[in-house]
Amino acid sequence: MAASKFKKGDLVKACYAFYDYFYPLDEEDDLFYPWSGIVIDLYFDEDYFGDDAIYDVLCTDGAQRLFAEWELWLLQAADKS
C-alpha cells in the first residue's frame, strides 16, 4: 500500500476524471464541476485502483463524494497538531 498523498482534514478541490466508467450518474451537468471540500476519510480498494487511495470528501454543498487520488488538488493542508 502506497503512502496517501492527502490526509484527513485537508481542503481539496475535486473533479471527476473517469465519470463514465466509475461514476454512473443520471445527470451529467455536474460531473465536471470542481467541488471543494474536506477529506474526511480514505479507503484502499486494490481490485479497482491498485495502491491508490479513494478519498471520502465532504463537499461544500453538503454532499459526501468519493474521489480517486488523481481527481484531487490540494488547496490547504490540515494542521499537523
Protein backbone atom coordinates (compact mmCIF):
# COMPACT_ATOMS: atom_id res chain seq x y z
CA MET A 1 0.00 0.00 0.00
CA ALA A 2 1.50 3.32 -1.09
CA ALA A 3 1.52 6.38 1.12
CA SER A 4 -1.54 8.54 0.55
CA LYS A 5 -1.00 12.00 -0.91
CA PHE A 6 -3.76 13.65 1.16
CA LYS A 7 -4.81 13.23 4.78
CA LYS A 8 -7.94 13.72 6.82
CA GLY A 9 -8.74 17.39 7.24
CA ASP A 10 -7.09 18.58 4.02
CA LEU A 11 -9.05 21.13 2.00
CA VAL A 12 -9.16 19.93 -1.60
CA LYS A 13 -10.62 20.77 -5.00
CA ALA A 14 -12.07 17.74 -6.78
CA CYS A 15 -13.32 16.92 -10.26
CA TYR A 16 -14.27 13.50 -11.67
CA ALA A 17 -11.93 12.20 -14.37
CA PHE A 18 -13.36 8.83 -15.46
CA TYR A 19 -17.00 9.56 -14.74
CA ASP A 20 -18.48 7.31 -17.44
CA TYR A 21 -16.82 4.18 -16.02
CA PHE A 22 -16.61 4.70 -12.28
CA TYR A 23 -19.47 7.11 -11.59
CA PRO A 24 -22.65 6.12 -13.45
CA LEU A 25 -24.88 9.11 -12.77
CA ASP A 26 -28.11 10.24 -14.38
CA GLU A 27 -27.24 13.92 -14.54
CA GLU A 28 -24.06 14.76 -16.43
CA ASP A 29 -24.24 18.53 -15.94
CA ASP A 30 -22.41 18.50 -12.61
CA LEU A 31 -19.76 15.89 -13.41
CA PHE A 32 -17.06 18.34 -14.41
CA TYR A 33 -17.91 20.86 -11.72
CA PRO A 34 -14.85 21.38 -9.50
CA TRP A 35 -16.13 20.75 -5.98
CA SER A 36 -14.29 21.95 -2.89
CA GLY A 37 -14.37 20.05 0.36
CA ILE A 38 -12.62 18.44 3.30
CA VAL A 39 -11.14 14.93 3.21
CA ILE A 40 -12.98 13.05 5.96
CA ASP A 41 -11.75 9.50 5.31
CA LEU A 42 -9.74 7.39 2.91
CA TYR A 43 -10.01 3.81 1.71
CA PHE A 44 -7.93 1.41 -0.34
CA ASP A 45 -9.59 -0.78 -2.98
CA GLU A 46 -6.85 -2.85 -4.58
CA ASP A 47 -9.24 -4.57 -7.01
CA TYR A 48 -10.12 -1.35 -8.86
CA PHE A 49 -7.44 1.20 -8.02
CA GLY A 50 -4.37 -0.79 -7.00
CA ASP A 51 -2.37 1.06 -4.36
CA ASP A 52 -4.16 4.39 -4.90
CA ALA A 53 -6.34 5.70 -2.11
CA ILE A 54 -10.03 6.53 -2.52
CA TYR A 55 -10.93 9.70 -0.63
CA ASP A 56 -14.26 10.43 1.03
CA VAL A 57 -14.74 14.20 0.65
CA LEU A 58 -17.40 16.28 2.41
CA CYS A 59 -18.09 18.94 -0.22
CA THR A 60 -19.18 22.49 0.47
CA ASP A 61 -22.67 21.73 -0.90
CA GLY A 62 -23.14 19.23 1.96
CA ALA A 63 -22.81 16.06 -0.14
CA GLN A 64 -20.21 13.36 0.51
CA ARG A 65 -18.45 12.15 -2.63
CA LEU A 66 -15.72 9.62 -3.34
CA PHE A 67 -12.72 10.63 -5.44
CA ALA A 68 -9.57 8.89 -6.60
CA GLU A 69 -6.23 10.46 -5.75
CA TRP A 70 -5.68 11.78 -9.28
CA GLU A 71 -9.01 13.67 -9.13
CA LEU A 72 -7.95 15.89 -6.19
CA TRP A 73 -5.84 19.04 -5.86
CA LEU A 74 -4.66 20.32 -2.50
CA LEU A 75 -5.94 23.79 -1.59
CA GLN A 76 -4.77 23.83 2.03
CA ALA A 77 -3.18 21.17 4.20
CA ALA A 78 -4.67 20.30 7.57
CA ASP A 79 -2.83 21.39 10.72
CA LYS A 80 -0.28 18.86 11.90
CA SER A 81 -1.36 19.16 15.53
